[in-house]
């Protein structure tokens, strides 16, 4: 996990689950599943999944295995384990266009789109509802944020 390796033990201790795709005995990709509040660094927001929900995050494909279906396999595996554990809904965010193409065939639907920039100590974010209005409203609720444009002081947090 590179410079985030020291975060593995605290994540596991607070109940997060780590999933790994193994390729020829080495890590091809990994991702995390949490059913508790988690910080979303890119958005500088905390997501609070409700009972029966989970949040899939920090999914990474090792560079030499990119564009080979590792991310899709990872998300499908996490989704299956979550379903077996009784979770009815998973939330996931994406900031990479190739990754977004893998999400819809995996059963995910877009709820919200975020545009954000951090500069001069401020974080500017625009929240736009996409697709299903009920799903978008539920997404806003788990993120504890309203639609529209938000400006606030920037906050960095390692989690």
Foldseek 3Di string as FASTA:
>chain_A
DPPCVVVVVVCVVVPKDKDFDDDPNHTQKIKIKAQAWDADQVQRFIFGHDPLEIEIDDIDGPVVNPPVCPLLVRLLVVVVVSVVVRRPYYHYDDDDVVSVVSVVVSPDDDAWDKDWDDDPQKIKIAIDGDDDPVSNVVRCVRRVHDGGIDMDGRDGDRD
